[in-house]
Amino acid sequence: MFTPLFTAARVFCARLWPHPLPVGKKQRVIASVGTGLGLLITSLVSHALLGEVNLWFVAPMGASAVLLFGLPSSPLAQPWSIIGGNTVAAAIGVSVAQWVSDPAVACGVAAGMTMLAMFQLRCLHPPSGAIALTAVLGGDGVQQLGYHFIMAPVLINSLCLALLALLFNPLAGRRYPHPLANESQPQPIALATPITRDDLHQALESGELLDIDEADVQQLLQRAETIALRRLQQPASASVSKRRS
């Protein structure tokens, strides 16, 4: 009676401990060094331009640095994502804070509007949500800055971090910013050899960290294969129907 429940509980608890990230030691070191340098230089520039290190801005920029240097191939970590997302979030947060007096309502409205704007402007960047909330809950310091908060520290720090990522990632052997899909038209690749999950793990581990699991890659390849077979069968089906008519 208790065996199925025990098995289900054991499987659930095992899922709480994730698989190791498929990334090599070299990429881990590069990501760590880049994140540290990014925040160090950004803080120094912010201090030089503004006369102080903006403590309320530490959390969003720390999250941005993890994305830009830890996951540089992610669409969420591209230069326009951090610059556009953070700037839009700051503008919306400051505006909502001035028009909505209730902090709880203002947080919800600012976060929702920021998410919608980032999707529309193609600059989705998760730390920007924290910036929108910072503009609402940042206290007297942020309120006194008003719309100046958008330029300093938000835009200044975002530009510094994006520029450093543009310099650091290519020097570390990474493609950054990530090329667009329409920049090249690679020929279809025929895979005659079955690919196992371990093969995918080793392939992922040999490059920079990608925000995807081996099982997800395997499912994606299987779905792509099904779609490709359907595409190849369509001309044959069309020709048969034409002959019958």
Protein backbone atom coordinates (compact mmCIF):
# COMPACT_ATOMS: atom_id res chain seq x y z
CA MET A 1 0.00 0.00 0.00
CA PHE A 2 2.72 2.44 0.99
CA THR A 3 5.20 1.32 -1.69
CA PRO A 4 3.74 3.44 -4.57
CA LEU A 5 3.51 6.47 -2.28
CA PHE A 6 7.09 5.96 -1.10
CA THR A 7 8.31 5.57 -4.70
CA ALA A 8 6.46 8.70 -5.81
CA ALA A 9 7.88 10.67 -2.87
CA ARG A 10 11.41 9.43 -3.59
CA VAL A 11 11.14 10.40 -7.27
CA PHE A 12 9.77 13.83 -6.35
CA CYS A 13 12.60 14.46 -3.86
CA ALA A 14 15.18 13.32 -6.42
CA ARG A 15 13.87 15.94 -8.86
CA LEU A 16 14.67 18.68 -6.37
CA TRP A 17 18.37 17.95 -6.91
CA PRO A 18 18.96 18.89 -10.57
CA HIS A 19 21.41 17.33 -12.99
CA PRO A 20 24.83 19.01 -13.24
CA LEU A 21 24.96 21.88 -15.70
CA PRO A 22 26.38 20.74 -19.06
CA VAL A 23 29.25 23.21 -19.16
CA GLY A 24 33.00 22.70 -19.09
CA LYS A 25 35.39 24.00 -16.44
CA LYS A 26 36.89 26.57 -18.80
CA GLN A 27 33.49 28.14 -19.47
CA ARG A 28 32.75 28.22 -15.74
CA VAL A 29 35.93 30.16 -15.09
CA ILE A 30 35.25 32.55 -17.98
CA ALA A 31 31.70 33.19 -16.76
CA SER A 32 32.88 33.82 -13.20
CA VAL A 33 35.67 36.18 -14.24
CA GLY A 34 33.39 38.06 -16.62
CA THR A 35 30.68 38.49 -14.01
CA GLY A 36 33.16 39.77 -11.44
CA LEU A 37 34.82 42.17 -13.86
CA GLY A 38 31.47 43.37 -15.16
CA LEU A 39 30.16 44.34 -11.76
CA LEU A 40 33.50 45.79 -10.64
CA ILE A 41 33.87 48.07 -13.67
CA THR A 42 30.18 49.02 -13.65
CA SER A 43 30.39 49.98 -10.00
CA LEU A 44 33.54 52.05 -10.58
CA VAL A 45 32.02 53.87 -13.54
CA SER A 46 28.83 54.50 -11.61
CA HIS A 47 30.82 55.86 -8.70
CA ALA A 48 32.90 58.12 -10.98
CA LEU A 49 29.89 59.54 -12.79
CA LEU A 50 27.41 59.74 -9.94
CA GLY A 51 29.70 60.19 -6.96
CA GLU A 52 28.47 57.04 -5.25
CA VAL A 53 27.73 53.37 -5.75
CA ASN A 54 23.97 52.99 -6.00
CA LEU A 55 23.23 50.28 -3.49
CA TRP A 56 19.61 49.88 -4.60
CA PHE A 57 20.85 48.92 -8.05
CA VAL A 58 23.16 46.09 -6.99
CA ALA A 59 20.62 43.25 -7.27
CA PRO A 60 19.34 43.92 -10.83
CA MET A 61 22.85 44.49 -12.22
CA GLY A 62 24.14 41.36 -10.52
CA ALA A 63 21.41 39.33 -12.22
CA SER A 64 22.18 41.01 -15.56
CA ALA A 65 25.88 40.14 -15.22
CA VAL A 66 25.07 36.47 -14.63
CA LEU A 67 23.09 36.41 -17.88
CA LEU A 68 25.57 38.37 -20.02
CA PHE A 69 28.61 36.36 -18.95
CA GLY A 70 27.06 33.06 -17.87
CA LEU A 71 24.57 32.63 -20.72
CA PRO A 72 25.83 34.91 -23.51
CA SER A 73 24.00 32.95 -26.24
CA SER A 74 20.61 33.39 -24.60
CA PRO A 75 18.16 35.82 -26.26
CA LEU A 76 17.68 37.28 -22.76
CA ALA A 77 21.37 38.27 -22.57
CA GLN A 78 21.86 40.21 -25.80
CA PRO A 79 22.93 43.89 -25.73
CA TRP A 80 19.52 45.21 -26.74
CA SER A 81 17.89 42.99 -24.13
CA ILE A 82 19.74 44.56 -21.21
CA ILE A 83 19.80 48.16 -22.53
CA GLY A 84 16.26 48.21 -23.86
CA GLY A 85 14.73 46.09 -21.12
CA ASN A 86 16.30 47.99 -18.23
CA THR A 87 15.56 51.41 -19.71
CA VAL A 88 11.94 50.59 -20.48
CA ALA A 89 11.49 49.06 -17.03
CA ALA A 90 12.90 52.15 -15.34
CA ALA A 91 10.65 54.48 -17.36
CA ILE A 92 7.55 52.44 -16.62
CA GLY A 93 8.43 51.99 -12.95
CA VAL A 94 9.01 55.69 -12.35
CA SER A 95 5.81 56.64 -14.19
CA VAL A 96 3.66 54.12 -12.33
CA ALA A 97 5.17 55.15 -8.97
CA GLN A 98 4.11 58.75 -9.64
CA TRP A 99 0.56 57.88 -10.69
CA VAL A 100 -0.32 54.94 -8.41
CA SER A 101 -0.14 55.64 -4.68
CA ASP A 102 -0.64 52.10 -3.37
CA PRO A 103 2.76 50.29 -3.47
CA ALA A 104 1.28 46.82 -3.91
CA VAL A 105 -0.88 47.90 -6.84
CA ALA A 106 1.99 49.92 -8.31
CA CYS A 107 4.31 46.90 -8.20
CA GLY A 108 1.82 44.71 -10.04
CA VAL A 109 1.02 47.35 -12.66
CA ALA A 110 4.71 48.21 -13.24
CA ALA A 111 5.76 44.56 -13.56
CA GLY A 112 2.91 43.69 -15.91
CA MET A 113 3.42 46.72 -18.15
CA THR A 114 7.18 46.12 -18.22
CA MET A 115 6.71 42.52 -19.30
CA LEU A 116 4.29 43.52 -22.07
CA ALA A 117 6.60 46.30 -23.30
CA MET A 118 9.67 44.05 -23.35
CA PHE A 119 7.87 41.42 -25.41
CA GLN A 120 6.68 44.08 -27.84
CA LEU A 121 10.13 45.69 -28.16
CA ARG A 122 12.00 42.35 -28.31
CA CYS A 123 14.11 43.15 -25.25
CA LEU A 124 12.97 40.57 -22.70
CA HIS A 125 15.45 40.69 -19.81
CA PRO A 126 14.43 39.12 -16.45
CA PRO A 127 16.43 41.53 -14.21
CA SER A 128 14.44 44.38 -15.71
CA GLY A 129 11.50 43.24 -13.62
CA ALA A 130 13.57 44.00 -10.53
CA ILE A 131 14.37 47.44 -11.92
CA ALA A 132 10.68 48.20 -12.35
CA LEU A 133 10.10 47.23 -8.72
CA THR A 134 13.15 49.24 -7.63
CA ALA A 135 11.63 52.33 -9.23
CA VAL A 136 8.48 51.75 -7.18
CA LEU A 137 9.97 50.60 -3.86
CA GLY A 138 13.42 52.22 -4.00
CA GLY A 139 12.58 54.77 -1.30
CA ASP A 140 13.37 58.44 -1.08
CA GLY A 141 16.61 58.19 -3.06
CA VAL A 142 14.87 56.86 -6.16
CA GLN A 143 11.86 59.14 -5.72
CA GLN A 144 14.07 62.20 -5.56
CA LEU A 145 15.77 61.22 -8.80
CA GLY A 146 12.44 60.89 -10.60
CA TYR A 147 12.93 60.40 -14.34
CA HIS A 148 16.68 61.01 -13.91
CA PHE A 149 16.70 57.47 -12.50
CA ILE A 150 16.30 56.23 -16.09
CA MET A 151 19.55 57.81 -17.26
CA ALA A 152 21.58 57.43 -14.07
CA PRO A 153 22.11 54.85 -12.84
CA VAL A 154 19.97 52.56 -15.04
CA LEU A 155 21.07 53.43 -18.59
CA ILE A 156 24.67 54.23 -17.61
CA ASN A 157 25.18 50.94 -15.79
CA SER A 158 23.38 48.95 -18.47
CA LEU A 159 25.57 50.46 -21.21
CA CYS A 160 28.74 49.77 -19.23
CA LEU A 161 27.81 46.15 -18.65
CA ALA A 162 26.74 45.60 -22.27
CA LEU A 163 29.93 47.19 -23.65
CA LEU A 164 32.09 45.06 -21.40
CA ALA A 165 30.20 41.95 -22.53
CA LEU A 166 30.80 42.99 -26.16
CA LEU A 167 34.54 43.15 -25.45
CA PHE A 168 35.00 40.30 -23.01
CA ASN A 169 32.93 37.51 -24.59
CA PRO A 170 34.59 37.60 -28.06
CA LEU A 171 38.03 37.76 -26.43
CA ALA A 172 37.05 34.64 -24.49
CA GLY A 173 36.22 32.85 -27.73
CA ARG A 174 32.45 33.29 -27.55
CA ARG A 175 30.07 34.54 -30.23
CA TYR A 176 28.55 37.71 -28.85
CA PRO A 177 26.20 39.18 -29.69
CA HIS A 178 24.59 35.97 -30.83
CA PRO A 179 24.13 35.91 -34.64
CA LEU A 180 20.60 36.19 -36.00
CA ALA A 181 19.02 33.17 -37.63
CA ASN A 182 18.81 34.87 -41.02
CA GLU A 183 22.53 35.72 -41.13
CA SER A 184 23.29 32.31 -42.59
CA GLN A 185 21.31 29.57 -44.32
CA PRO A 186 23.03 26.29 -43.42
CA GLN A 187 22.26 23.22 -45.50
CA PRO A 188 20.19 20.42 -43.93
CA ILE A 189 22.33 17.94 -42.00
CA ALA A 190 21.63 14.25 -42.42
CA LEU A 191 22.30 12.31 -39.20
CA ALA A 192 22.72 8.64 -40.00
CA THR A 193 23.89 7.76 -36.48
CA PRO A 194 21.43 7.67 -33.57
CA ILE A 195 22.25 10.29 -30.92
CA THR A 196 21.95 9.38 -27.25
CA ARG A 197 21.39 11.68 -24.30
CA ASP A 198 25.01 11.15 -23.23
CA ASP A 199 26.15 12.31 -26.69
CA LEU A 200 24.10 15.47 -26.28
CA HIS A 201 25.48 16.01 -22.78
CA GLN A 202 29.06 15.80 -24.04
CA ALA A 203 28.28 18.12 -26.96
CA LEU A 204 26.71 20.71 -24.65
CA GLU A 205 29.57 20.39 -22.19
CA SER A 206 32.16 21.07 -24.90
CA GLY A 207 30.84 24.60 -25.55
CA GLU A 208 29.44 27.55 -23.65
CA LEU A 209 26.47 27.08 -21.36
CA LEU A 210 23.12 26.88 -23.15
CA ASP A 211 19.88 27.31 -21.24
CA ILE A 212 18.52 23.93 -22.30
CA ASP A 213 18.61 20.37 -20.95
CA GLU A 214 19.75 17.29 -22.86
CA ALA A 215 16.26 15.81 -22.69
CA ASP A 216 14.83 19.03 -24.13
CA VAL A 217 17.33 18.91 -27.00
CA GLN A 218 16.44 15.28 -27.67
CA GLN A 219 12.70 16.06 -27.72
CA LEU A 220 13.36 19.06 -29.97
CA LEU A 221 15.30 16.90 -32.44
CA GLN A 222 12.53 14.30 -32.45
CA ARG A 223 9.86 16.95 -33.10
CA ALA A 224 12.01 18.47 -35.86
CA GLU A 225 12.43 15.04 -37.44
CA THR A 226 8.65 14.50 -37.41
CA ILE A 227 8.05 17.92 -39.00
CA ALA A 228 10.75 17.26 -41.63
CA LEU A 229 9.20 13.89 -42.54
CA ARG A 230 5.78 15.53 -42.84
CA ARG A 231 7.29 18.24 -45.07
CA LEU A 232 8.94 15.65 -47.34
CA GLN A 233 5.72 13.64 -47.60
CA GLN A 234 3.61 16.63 -48.66
CA PRO A 235 4.94 16.90 -52.27
CA ALA A 236 4.44 13.16 -52.73
CA SER A 237 0.86 13.37 -51.46
CA ALA A 238 0.18 16.37 -53.69
CA SER A 239 1.50 14.60 -56.80
CA VAL A 240 -0.63 11.49 -56.09
CA SER A 241 -3.74 13.64 -55.71
CA LYS A 242 -2.93 15.46 -58.97
CA ARG A 243 -2.58 12.18 -60.88
CA ARG A 244 -5.88 10.91 -59.54
CA SER A 245 -7.65 14.09 -60.63
